[in-house]
PDB file of N, CA and C in Angstrom:
ATOM      1  N   MET A   1      45.802  24.754 -41.986  1.00  0.00           N
ATOM      2  CA  MET A   1      45.761  26.121 -41.582  1.00  0.00           C
ATOM      3  C   MET A   1      44.834  26.309 -40.375  1.00  0.00           C
ATOM      4  N   GLU A   2      43.770  25.580 -40.378  1.00  0.00           N
ATOM      5  CA  GLU A   2      42.865  25.657 -39.270  1.00  0.00           C
ATOM      6  C   GLU A   2      43.538  25.141 -38.004  1.00  0.00           C
ATOM      7  N   ASP A   3      44.351  24.096 -38.107  1.00  0.00           N
ATOM      8  CA  ASP A   3      45.109  23.595 -36.957  1.00  0.00           C
ATOM      9  C   ASP A   3      46.065  24.668 -36.448  1.00  0.00           C
ATOM     10  N   TYR A   4      46.616  25.415 -37.386  1.00  0.00           N
ATOM     11  CA  TYR A   4      47.538  26.468 -37.021  1.00  0.00           C
ATOM     12  C   TYR A   4      46.807  27.553 -36.240  1.00  0.00           C
ATOM     13  N   ARG A   5      45.587  27.872 -36.684  1.00  0.00           N
ATOM     14  CA  ARG A   5      44.792  28.882 -35.982  1.00  0.00           C
ATOM     15  C   ARG A   5      44.423  28.381 -34.584  1.00  0.00           C
ATOM     16  N   ARG A   6      44.038  27.120 -34.522  1.00  0.00           N
ATOM     17  CA  ARG A   6      43.674  26.562 -33.214  1.00  0.00           C
ATOM     18  C   ARG A   6      44.887  26.591 -32.281  1.00  0.00           C
ATOM     19  N   GLN A   7      46.016  26.217 -32.868  1.00  0.00           N
ATOM     20  CA  GLN A   7      47.225  26.197 -32.071  1.00  0.00           C
ATOM     21  C   GLN A   7      47.587  27.620 -31.628  1.00  0.00           C
ATOM     22  N   GLY A   8      47.400  28.590 -32.494  1.00  0.00           N
ATOM     23  CA  GLY A   8      47.645  29.983 -32.159  1.00  0.00           C
ATOM     24  C   GLY A   8      46.672  30.470 -31.106  1.00  0.00           C
ATOM     25  N   GLY A   9      45.412  30.054 -31.202  1.00  0.00           N
ATOM     26  CA  GLY A   9      44.400  30.432 -30.214  1.00  0.00           C
ATOM     27  C   GLY A   9      44.696  29.816 -28.862  1.00  0.00           C
ATOM     28  N   ILE A  10      45.127  28.566 -28.896  1.00  0.00           N
ATOM     29  CA  ILE A  10      45.483  27.890 -27.645  1.00  0.00           C
ATOM     30  C   ILE A  10      46.695  28.573 -27.014  1.00  0.00           C
ATOM     31  N   GLN A  11      47.651  28.927 -27.866  1.00  0.00           N
ATOM     32  CA  GLN A  11      48.842  29.617 -27.389  1.00  0.00           C
ATOM     33  C   GLN A  11      48.466  30.947 -26.757  1.00  0.00           C
ATOM     34  N   GLN A  12      47.551  31.679 -27.372  1.00  0.00           N
ATOM     35  CA  GLN A  12      47.102  32.963 -26.804  1.00  0.00           C
ATOM     36  C   GLN A  12      46.398  32.754 -25.462  1.00  0.00           C
ATOM     37  N   LEU A  13      45.596  31.681 -25.378  1.00  0.00           N
ATOM     38  CA  LEU A  13      44.918  31.381 -24.115  1.00  0.00           C
ATOM     39  C   LEU A  13      45.937  31.045 -23.015  1.00  0.00           C
ATOM     40  N   LEU A  14      46.948  30.296 -23.365  1.00  0.00           N
ATOM     41  CA  LEU A  14      47.983  29.952 -22.392  1.00  0.00           C
ATOM     42  C   LEU A  14      48.744  31.197 -21.925  1.00  0.00           C
ATOM     43  N   VAL A  15      49.038  32.091 -22.865  1.00  0.00           N
ATOM     44  CA  VAL A  15      49.725  33.329 -22.520  1.00  0.00           C
ATOM     45  C   VAL A  15      48.826  34.197 -21.630  1.00  0.00           C
ATOM     46  N   ALA A  16      47.545  34.281 -21.976  1.00  0.00           N
ATOM     47  CA  ALA A  16      46.598  35.073 -21.180  1.00  0.00           C
ATOM     48  C   ALA A  16      46.460  34.478 -19.782  1.00  0.00           C
ATOM     49  N   GLU A  17      46.418  33.140 -19.709  1.00  0.00           N
ATOM     50  CA  GLU A  17      46.325  32.484 -18.400  1.00  0.00           C
ATOM     51  C   GLU A  17      47.578  32.774 -17.564  1.00  0.00           C
ATOM     52  N   GLN A  18      48.724  32.728 -18.204  1.00  0.00           N
ATOM     53  CA  GLN A  18      49.982  33.029 -17.518  1.00  0.00           C
ATOM     54  C   GLN A  18      49.986  34.465 -16.998  1.00  0.00           C
ATOM     55  N   GLU A  19      49.536  35.402 -17.816  1.00  0.00           N
ATOM     56  CA  GLU A  19      49.472  36.803 -17.406  1.00  0.00           C
ATOM     57  C   GLU A  19      48.487  36.992 -16.250  1.00  0.00           C
ATOM     58  N   ALA A  20      47.349  36.320 -16.339  1.00  0.00           N
ATOM     59  CA  ALA A  20      46.344  36.413 -15.278  1.00  0.00           C
ATOM     60  C   ALA A  20      46.911  35.861 -13.969  1.00  0.00           C
ATOM     61  N   ARG A  21      47.638  34.753 -14.060  1.00  0.00           N
ATOM     62  CA  ARG A  21      48.252  34.160 -12.872  1.00  0.00           C
ATOM     63  C   ARG A  21      49.250  35.145 -12.251  1.00  0.00           C
ATOM     64  N   GLN A  22      50.027  35.818 -13.077  1.00  0.00           N
ATOM     65  CA  GLN A  22      50.997  36.792 -12.578  1.00  0.00           C
ATOM     66  C   GLN A  22      50.296  37.976 -11.911  1.00  0.00           C
ATOM     67  N   ILE A  23      49.207  38.430 -12.520  1.00  0.00           N
ATOM     68  CA  ILE A  23      48.438  39.548 -11.950  1.00  0.00           C
ATOM     69  C   ILE A  23      47.851  39.152 -10.595  1.00  0.00           C
ATOM     70  N   VAL A  24      47.286  37.924 -10.533  1.00  0.00           N
ATOM     71  CA  VAL A  24      46.690  37.452  -9.276  1.00  0.00           C
ATOM     72  C   VAL A  24      47.770  37.320  -8.201  1.00  0.00           C
ATOM     73  N   ASN A  25      48.911  36.768  -8.575  1.00  0.00           N
ATOM     74  CA  ASN A  25      50.010  36.626  -7.610  1.00  0.00           C
ATOM     75  C   ASN A  25      50.512  37.988  -7.135  1.00  0.00           C
ATOM     76  N   ALA A  26      50.617  38.944  -8.042  1.00  0.00           N
ATOM     77  CA  ALA A  26      51.042  40.291  -7.664  1.00  0.00           C
ATOM     78  C   ALA A  26      50.025  40.927  -6.712  1.00  0.00           C
ATOM     79  N   ALA A  27      48.735  40.710  -6.997  1.00  0.00           N
ATOM     80  CA  ALA A  27      47.683  41.260  -6.134  1.00  0.00           C
ATOM     81  C   ALA A  27      47.739  40.613  -4.750  1.00  0.00           C
ATOM     82  N   ARG A  28      47.960  39.283  -4.708  1.00  0.00           N
ATOM     83  CA  ARG A  28      48.070  38.594  -3.414  1.00  0.00           C
ATOM     84  C   ARG A  28      49.261  39.122  -2.622  1.00  0.00           C
ATOM     85  N   THR A  29      50.368  39.296  -3.296  1.00  0.00           N
ATOM     86  CA  THR A  29      51.567  39.803  -2.629  1.00  0.00           C
ATOM     87  C   THR A  29      51.330  41.213  -2.099  1.00  0.00           C
ATOM     88  N   ALA A  30      50.704  42.052  -2.901  1.00  0.00           N
ATOM     89  CA  ALA A  30      50.400  43.425  -2.465  1.00  0.00           C
ATOM     90  C   ALA A  30      49.443  43.413  -1.280  1.00  0.00           C
ATOM     91  N   LYS A  31      48.444  42.532  -1.332  1.00  0.00           N
ATOM     92  CA  LYS A  31      47.484  42.434  -0.235  1.00  0.00           C
ATOM     93  C   LYS A  31      48.177  41.980   1.048  1.00  0.00           C
ATOM     94  N   MET A  32      49.043  40.981   0.958  1.00  0.00           N
ATOM     95  CA  MET A  32      49.759  40.493   2.130  1.00  0.00           C
ATOM     96  C   MET A  32      50.667  41.587   2.709  1.00  0.00           C
ATOM     97  N   ASN A  33      51.303  42.341   1.816  1.00  0.00           N
ATOM     98  CA  ASN A  33      52.156  43.451   2.277  1.00  0.00           C
ATOM     99  C   ASN A  33      51.339  44.517   2.995  1.00  0.00           C
ATOM    100  N   ARG A  34      50.159  44.841   2.430  1.00  0.00           N
ATOM    101  CA  ARG A  34      49.287  45.840   3.067  1.00  0.00           C
ATOM    102  C   ARG A  34      48.797  45.343   4.428  1.00  0.00           C
ATOM    103  N   LEU A  35      48.432  44.062   4.498  1.00  0.00           N
ATOM    104  CA  LEU A  35      47.973  43.502   5.770  1.00  0.00           C
ATOM    105  C   LEU A  35      49.095  43.515   6.816  1.00  0.00           C
ATOM    106  N   LYS A  36      50.291  43.166   6.394  1.00  0.00           N
ATOM    107  CA  LYS A  36      51.433  43.180   7.313  1.00  0.00           C
ATOM    108  C   LYS A  36      51.709  44.600   7.795  1.00  0.00           C
ATOM    109  N   GLN A  37      51.650  45.551   6.882  1.00  0.00           N
ATOM    110  CA  GLN A  37      51.880  46.950   7.243  1.00  0.00           C
ATOM    111  C   GLN A  37      50.791  47.430   8.210  1.00  0.00           C
ATOM    112  N   ALA A  38      49.539  47.078   7.925  1.00  0.00           N
ATOM    113  CA  ALA A  38      48.432  47.479   8.804  1.00  0.00           C
ATOM    114  C   ALA A  38      48.595  46.848  10.186  1.00  0.00           C
ATOM    115  N   LYS A  39      49.010  45.595  10.230  1.00  0.00           N
ATOM    116  CA  LYS A  39      49.222  44.921  11.506  1.00  0.00           C
ATOM    117  C   LYS A  39      50.331  45.612  12.294  1.00  0.00           C
ATOM    118  N   ASP A  40      51.442  45.943  11.626  1.00  0.00           N
ATOM    119  CA  ASP A  40      52.542  46.632  12.298  1.00  0.00           C
ATOM    120  C   ASP A  40      52.107  47.991  12.836  1.00  0.00           C
ATOM    121  N   GLU A  41      51.350  48.720  12.035  1.00  0.00           N
ATOM    122  CA  GLU A  41      50.862  50.031  12.478  1.00  0.00           C
ATOM    123  C   GLU A  41      49.915  49.882  13.666  1.00  0.00           C
ATOM    124  N   ALA A  42      49.046  48.868  13.615  1.00  0.00           N
ATOM    125  CA  ALA A  42      48.104  48.640  14.717  1.00  0.00           C
ATOM    126  C   ALA A  42      48.866  48.279  15.996  1.00  0.00           C
ATOM    127  N   GLU A  43      49.890  47.454  15.876  1.00  0.00           N
ATOM    128  CA  GLU A  43      50.683  47.091  17.047  1.00  0.00           C
ATOM    129  C   GLU A  43      51.383  48.311  17.637  1.00  0.00           C
ATOM    130  N   GLN A  44      51.854  49.196  16.780  1.00  0.00           N
ATOM    131  CA  GLN A  44      52.484  50.419  17.270  1.00  0.00           C
ATOM    132  C   GLN A  44      51.468  51.293  18.001  1.00  0.00           C
ATOM    133  N   GLU A  45      50.272  51.406  17.436  1.00  0.00           N
ATOM    134  CA  GLU A  45      49.219  52.199  18.079  1.00  0.00           C
ATOM    135  C   GLU A  45      48.841  51.604  19.429  1.00  0.00           C
ATOM    136  N   VAL A  46      48.725  50.273  19.478  1.00  0.00           N
ATOM    137  CA  VAL A  46      48.367  49.613  20.733  1.00  0.00           C
ATOM    138  C   VAL A  46      49.455  49.845  21.772  1.00  0.00           C
ATOM    139  N   ALA A  47      50.709  49.728  21.373  1.00  0.00           N
ATOM    140  CA  ALA A  47      51.815  49.949  22.307  1.00  0.00           C
ATOM    141  C   ALA A  47      51.818  51.391  22.814  1.00  0.00           C
ATOM    142  N   LYS A  48      51.567  52.325  21.911  1.00  0.00           N
ATOM    143  CA  LYS A  48      51.526  53.738  22.290  1.00  0.00           C
ATOM    144  C   LYS A  48      50.372  54.003  23.263  1.00  0.00           C
ATOM    145  N   TYR A  49      49.196  53.449  22.962  1.00  0.00           N
ATOM    146  CA  TYR A  49      48.024  53.619  23.817  1.00  0.00           C
ATOM    147  C   TYR A  49      48.263  52.974  25.178  1.00  0.00           C
ATOM    148  N   ARG A  50      48.849  51.772  25.172  1.00  0.00           N
ATOM    149  CA  ARG A  50      49.124  51.069  26.424  1.00  0.00           C
ATOM    150  C   ARG A  50      50.083  51.891  27.284  1.00  0.00           C
ATOM    151  N   ALA A  51      51.108  52.459  26.674  1.00  0.00           N
ATOM    152  CA  ALA A  51      52.073  53.273  27.414  1.00  0.00           C
ATOM    153  C   ALA A  51      51.388  54.506  28.008  1.00  0.00           C
ATOM    154  N   GLN A  52      50.503  55.117  27.236  1.00  0.00           N
ATOM    155  CA  GLN A  52      49.782  56.302  27.719  1.00  0.00           C
ATOM    156  C   GLN A  52      48.875  55.932  28.891  1.00  0.00           C
ATOM    157  N   MET A  53      48.152  54.814  28.772  1.00  0.00           N
ATOM    158  CA  MET A  53      47.259  54.386  29.844  1.00  0.00           C
ATOM    159  C   MET A  53      48.058  54.008  31.096  1.00  0.00           C
ATOM    160  N   GLU A  54      49.201  53.366  30.916  1.00  0.00           N
ATOM    161  CA  GLU A  54      50.046  53.009  32.051  1.00  0.00           C
ATOM    162  C   GLU A  54      50.554  54.259  32.761  1.00  0.00           C
ATOM    163  N   LYS A  55      50.921  55.270  31.976  1.00  0.00           N
ATOM    164  CA  LYS A  55      51.398  56.529  32.553  1.00  0.00           C
ATOM    165  C   LYS A  55      50.284  57.195  33.360  1.00  0.00           C
ATOM    166  N   GLU A  56      49.076  57.236  32.807  1.00  0.00           N
ATOM    167  CA  GLU A  56      47.949  57.831  33.518  1.00  0.00           C
ATOM    168  C   GLU A  56      47.621  57.035  34.781  1.00  0.00           C
ATOM    169  N   PHE A  57      47.697  55.712  34.669  1.00  0.00           N
ATOM    170  CA  PHE A  57      47.426  54.859  35.831  1.00  0.00           C
ATOM    171  C   PHE A  57      48.440  55.121  36.940  1.00  0.00           C
ATOM    172  N   GLN A  58      49.701  55.194  36.579  1.00  0.00           N
ATOM    173  CA  GLN A  58      50.741  55.444  37.573  1.00  0.00           C
ATOM    174  C   GLN A  58      50.558  56.817  38.216  1.00  0.00           C
ATOM    175  N   LYS A  59      50.152  57.804  37.410  1.00  0.00           N
ATOM    176  CA  LYS A  59      49.905  59.142  37.948  1.00  0.00           C
ATOM    177  C   LYS A  59      48.749  59.105  38.948  1.00  0.00           C
ATOM    178  N   THR A  60      47.667  58.447  38.568  1.00  0.00           N
ATOM    179  CA  THR A  60      46.504  58.335  39.446  1.00  0.00           C
ATOM    180  C   THR A  60      46.866  57.574  40.715  1.00  0.00           C
ATOM    181  N   LEU A  61      47.639  56.530  40.548  1.00  0.00           N
ATOM    182  CA  LEU A  61      48.049  55.729  41.698  1.00  0.00           C
ATOM    183  C   LEU A  61      48.903  56.545  42.654  1.00  0.00           C
ATOM    184  N   SER A  62      49.826  57.319  42.125  1.00  0.00           N
ATOM    185  CA  SER A  62      50.685  58.125  42.999  1.00  0.00           C
ATOM    186  C   SER A  62      49.900  59.245  43.677  1.00  0.00           C
ATOM    187  N   GLU A  63      48.891  59.769  43.003  1.00  0.00           N
ATOM    188  CA  GLU A  63      48.077  60.824  43.612  1.00  0.00           C
ATOM    189  C   GLU A  63      47.204  60.275  44.729  1.00  0.00           C
ATOM    190  N   SER A  64      46.745  59.052  44.590  1.00  0.00           N
ATOM    191  CA  SER A  64      45.839  58.495  45.586  1.00  0.00           C
ATOM    192  C   SER A  64      46.571  57.757  46.698  1.00  0.00           C
ATOM    193  N   SER A  65      47.850  57.527  46.547  1.00  0.00           N
ATOM    194  CA  SER A  65      48.594  56.813  47.590  1.00  0.00           C
ATOM    195  C   SER A  65      49.041  57.786  48.674  1.00  0.00           C
ATOM    196  N   GLY A  66      49.577  57.246  49.762  1.00  0.00           N
ATOM    197  CA  GLY A  66      50.013  58.065  50.880  1.00  0.00           C
ATOM    198  C   GLY A  66      51.299  58.818  50.607  1.00  0.00           C
ATOM    199  N   PHE A  67      51.884  58.646  49.454  1.00  0.00           N
ATOM    200  CA  PHE A  67      53.160  59.275  49.160  1.00  0.00           C
ATOM    201  C   PHE A  67      53.012  60.654  48.527  1.00  0.00           C
ATOM    202  N   SER A  68      51.822  61.053  48.223  1.00  0.00           N
ATOM    203  CA  SER A  68      51.667  62.366  47.602  1.00  0.00           C
ATOM    204  C   SER A  68      51.760  63.448  48.669  1.00  0.00           C
ATOM    205  N   GLY A  69      52.203  64.610  48.265  1.00  0.00           N
ATOM    206  CA  GLY A  69      52.396  65.711  49.191  1.00  0.00           C
ATOM    207  C   GLY A  69      51.120  66.162  49.863  1.00  0.00           C
ATOM    208  N   VAL A  70      50.020  66.128  49.146  1.00  0.00           N
ATOM    209  CA  VAL A  70      48.739  66.580  49.695  1.00  0.00           C
ATOM    210  C   VAL A  70      48.322  65.674  50.845  1.00  0.00           C
ATOM    211  N   ASN A  71      48.426  64.366  50.635  1.00  0.00           N
ATOM    212  CA  ASN A  71      48.021  63.427  51.681  1.00  0.00           C
ATOM    213  C   ASN A  71      48.937  63.524  52.899  1.00  0.00           C
ATOM    214  N   VAL A  72      50.213  63.689  52.682  1.00  0.00           N
ATOM    215  CA  VAL A  72      51.154  63.808  53.796  1.00  0.00           C
ATOM    216  C   VAL A  72      50.830  65.056  54.613  1.00  0.00           C
ATOM    217  N   LYS A  73      50.574  66.152  53.941  1.00  0.00           N
ATOM    218  CA  LYS A  73      50.239  67.394  54.642  1.00  0.00           C
ATOM    219  C   LYS A  73      48.951  67.227  55.441  1.00  0.00           C
ATOM    220  N   ARG A  74      47.957  66.603  54.842  1.00  0.00           N
ATOM    221  CA  ARG A  74      46.673  66.389  55.514  1.00  0.00           C
ATOM    222  C   ARG A  74      46.857  65.513  56.746  1.00  0.00           C
ATOM    223  N   LEU A  75      47.621  64.449  56.607  1.00  0.00           N
ATOM    224  CA  LEU A  75      47.857  63.566  57.747  1.00  0.00           C
ATOM    225  C   LEU A  75      48.634  64.274  58.855  1.00  0.00           C
ATOM    226  N   ASP A  76      49.597  65.106  58.485  1.00  0.00           N
ATOM    227  CA  ASP A  76      50.337  65.874  59.489  1.00  0.00           C
ATOM    228  C   ASP A  76      49.398  66.800  60.267  1.00  0.00           C
ATOM    229  N   GLU A  77      48.514  67.473  59.552  1.00  0.00           N
ATOM    230  CA  GLU A  77      47.564  68.382  60.206  1.00  0.00           C
ATOM    231  C   GLU A  77      46.634  67.609  61.139  1.00  0.00           C
ATOM    232  N   GLU A  78      46.146  66.454  60.687  1.00  0.00           N
ATOM    233  CA  GLU A  78      45.270  65.651  61.534  1.00  0.00           C
ATOM    234  C   GLU A  78      46.006  65.174  62.790  1.00  0.00           C
ATOM    235  N   THR A  79      47.249  64.784  62.622  1.00  0.00           N
ATOM    236  CA  THR A  79      48.043  64.306  63.757  1.00  0.00           C
ATOM    237  C   THR A  79      48.253  65.421  64.778  1.00  0.00           C
ATOM    238  N   VAL A  80      48.600  66.606  64.302  1.00  0.00           N
ATOM    239  CA  VAL A  80      48.804  67.742  65.205  1.00  0.00           C
ATOM    240  C   VAL A  80      47.505  68.062  65.947  1.00  0.00           C
ATOM    241  N   THR A  81      46.390  68.027  65.243  1.00  0.00           N
ATOM    242  CA  THR A  81      45.094  68.309  65.867  1.00  0.00           C
ATOM    243  C   THR A  81      44.780  67.284  66.952  1.00  0.00           C
ATOM    244  N   LYS A  82      45.018  66.014  66.667  1.00  0.00           N
ATOM    245  CA  LYS A  82      44.741  64.967  67.653  1.00  0.00           C
ATOM    246  C   LYS A  82      45.671  65.085  68.862  1.00  0.00           C
ATOM    247  N   ILE A  83      46.928  65.411  68.632  1.00  0.00           N
ATOM    248  CA  ILE A  83      47.873  65.586  69.739  1.00  0.00           C
ATOM    249  C   ILE A  83      47.440  66.752  70.625  1.00  0.00           C
ATOM    250  N   ASP A  84      47.042  67.848  70.006  1.00  0.00           N
ATOM    251  CA  ASP A  84      46.564  69.000  70.787  1.00  0.00           C
ATOM    252  C   ASP A  84      45.337  68.627  71.612  1.00  0.00           C
ATOM    253  N   HIS A  85      44.424  67.877  71.017  1.00  0.00           N
ATOM    254  CA  HIS A  85      43.210  67.448  71.720  1.00  0.00           C
ATOM    255  C   HIS A  85      43.576  66.573  72.921  1.00  0.00           C
ATOM    256  N   LEU A  86      44.509  65.635  72.721  1.00  0.00           N
ATOM    257  CA  LEU A  86      44.927  64.767  73.827  1.00  0.00           C
ATOM    258  C   LEU A  86      45.625  65.562  74.931  1.00  0.00           C
ATOM    259  N   LYS A  87      46.427  66.546  74.558  1.00  0.00           N
ATOM    260  CA  LYS A  87      47.091  67.393  75.564  1.00  0.00           C
ATOM    261  C   LYS A  87      46.063  68.167  76.385  1.00  0.00           C
ATOM    262  N   LYS A  88      45.034  68.681  75.730  1.00  0.00           N
ATOM    263  CA  LYS A  88      43.989  69.430  76.450  1.00  0.00           C
ATOM    264  C   LYS A  88      43.245  68.513  77.412  1.00  0.00           C
ATOM    265  N   GLN A  89      42.926  67.308  76.953  1.00  0.00           N
ATOM    266  CA  GLN A  89      42.227  66.368  77.840  1.00  0.00           C
ATOM    267  C   GLN A  89      43.113  65.988  79.025  1.00  0.00           C
ATOM    268  N   ALA A  90      44.395  65.773  78.747  1.00  0.00           N
ATOM    269  CA  ALA A  90      45.315  65.425  79.833  1.00  0.00           C
ATOM    270  C   ALA A  90      45.431  66.580  80.827  1.00  0.00           C
ATOM    271  N   ALA A  91      45.444  67.814  80.330  1.00  0.00           N
ATOM    272  CA  ALA A  91      45.539  68.979  81.219  1.00  0.00           C
ATOM    273  C   ALA A  91      44.299  69.080  82.101  1.00  0.00           C
ATOM    274  N   LYS A  92      43.139  68.735  81.574  1.00  0.00           N
ATOM    275  CA  LYS A  92      41.901  68.789  82.368  1.00  0.00           C
ATOM    276  C   LYS A  92      41.915  67.733  83.472  1.00  0.00           C
ATOM    277  N   VAL A  93      42.395  66.566  83.174  1.00  0.00           N
ATOM    278  CA  VAL A  93      42.334  65.444  84.102  1.00  0.00           C
ATOM    279  C   VAL A  93      43.559  65.419  85.026  1.00  0.00           C
ATOM    280  N   SER A  94      44.611  66.089  84.654  1.00  0.00           N
ATOM    281  CA  SER A  94      45.872  66.037  85.401  1.00  0.00           C
ATOM    282  C   SER A  94      45.729  66.379  86.885  1.00  0.00           C
ATOM    283  N   PRO A  95      45.052  67.466  87.276  1.00  0.00           N
ATOM    284  CA  PRO A  95      44.929  67.766  88.718  1.00  0.00           C
ATOM    285  C   PRO A  95      44.234  66.649  89.491  1.00  0.00           C
ATOM    286  N   GLU A  96      43.216  66.052  88.909  1.00  0.00           N
ATOM    287  CA  GLU A  96      42.497  64.971  89.580  1.00  0.00           C
ATOM    288  C   GLU A  96      43.396  63.745  89.744  1.00  0.00           C
ATOM    289  N   VAL A  97      44.181  63.441  88.704  1.00  0.00           N
ATOM    290  CA  VAL A  97      45.072  62.289  88.762  1.00  0.00           C
ATOM    291  C   VAL A  97      46.151  62.510  89.816  1.00  0.00           C
ATOM    292  N   VAL A  98      46.705  63.728  89.881  1.00  0.00           N
ATOM    293  CA  VAL A  98      47.732  64.047  90.878  1.00  0.00           C
ATOM    294  C   VAL A  98      47.143  63.921  92.274  1.00  0.00           C
ATOM    295  N   LYS A  99      45.952  64.416  92.470  1.00  0.00           N
ATOM    296  CA  LYS A  99      45.277  64.351  93.781  1.00  0.00           C
ATOM    297  C   LYS A  99      45.050  62.899  94.185  1.00  0.00           C
ATOM    298  N   MET A 100      44.594  62.081  93.252  1.00  0.00           N
ATOM    299  CA  MET A 100      44.335  60.678  93.531  1.00  0.00           C
ATOM    300  C   MET A 100      45.647  59.952  93.865  1.00  0.00           C
ATOM    301  N   LEU A 101      46.684  60.214  93.090  1.00  0.00           N
ATOM    302  CA  LEU A 101      47.976  59.586  93.350  1.00  0.00           C
ATOM    303  C   LEU A 101      48.521  60.005  94.735  1.00  0.00           C
ATOM    304  N   MET A 102      48.384  61.267  95.043  1.00  0.00           N
ATOM    305  CA  MET A 102      48.872  61.767  96.326  1.00  0.00           C
ATOM    306  C   MET A 102      48.122  61.106  97.481  1.00  0.00           C
ATOM    307  N   SER A 103      46.817  60.943  97.301  1.00  0.00           N
ATOM    308  CA  SER A 103      46.036  60.332  98.376  1.00  0.00           C
ATOM    309  C   SER A 103      46.437  58.868  98.555  1.00  0.00           C
ATOM    310  N   HIS A 104      46.708  58.156  97.482  1.00  0.00           N
ATOM    311  CA  HIS A 104      47.113  56.753  97.591  1.00  0.00           C
ATOM    312  C   HIS A 104      48.528  56.626  98.136  1.00  0.00           C
ATOM    313  N   VAL A 105      49.373  57.537  97.760  1.00  0.00           N
ATOM    314  CA  VAL A 105      50.763  57.465  98.236  1.00  0.00           C
ATOM    315  C   VAL A 105      50.866  57.864  99.691  1.00  0.00           C
ATOM    316  N   THR A 106      50.098  58.841 100.106  1.00  0.00           N
ATOM    317  CA  THR A 106      50.196  59.332 101.474  1.00  0.00           C
ATOM    318  C   THR A 106      49.341  58.519 102.454  1.00  0.00           C
ATOM    319  N   THR A 107      48.460  57.716 101.982  1.00  0.00           N
ATOM    320  CA  THR A 107      47.611  56.911 102.878  1.00  0.00           C
ATOM    321  C   THR A 107      48.357  55.619 103.193  1.00  0.00           C
ATOM    322  N   VAL A 108      48.452  55.384 104.458  1.00  0.00           N
ATOM    323  CA  VAL A 108      49.136  54.172 104.924  1.00  0.00           C
ATOM    324  C   VAL A 108      48.071  53.247 105.491  1.00  0.00           C
ATOM    325  N   LYS A 109      48.058  52.051 105.004  1.00  0.00           N
ATOM    326  CA  LYS A 109      47.082  51.071 105.473  1.00  0.00           C
ATOM    327  C   LYS A 109      47.848  49.960 106.183  1.00  0.00           C
ATOM    328  N   PHE A 110      47.314  49.606 107.369  1.00  0.00           N
ATOM    329  CA  PHE A 110      47.929  48.522 108.156  1.00  0.00           C
ATOM    330  C   PHE A 110      47.078  47.338 108.159  1.00  0.00           C
TER     331      PHE A 110
END
């Protein structure tokens, strides 16, 4: 009878060990699933953040490049101002240049 009890106790220990193994395996599987889910969510967040940063970068780049409307307008205004300045300088010097050219053209040297 004592052998029977020992055998029953051993059987209970084996059953308990089997149950514990199943619980541990279930916990490992759940943990791996949670880690995989967390990794997938993190990758989605990173992709979303990267897309947002790329969009902001492209916006900043287009604003600072010569293709933006503000820069084109500014450059047009500067160009017009410089052209006007050159025309005024040419108008001031023009009579002197004409006089000099006339003197060289009309002077005959032998």
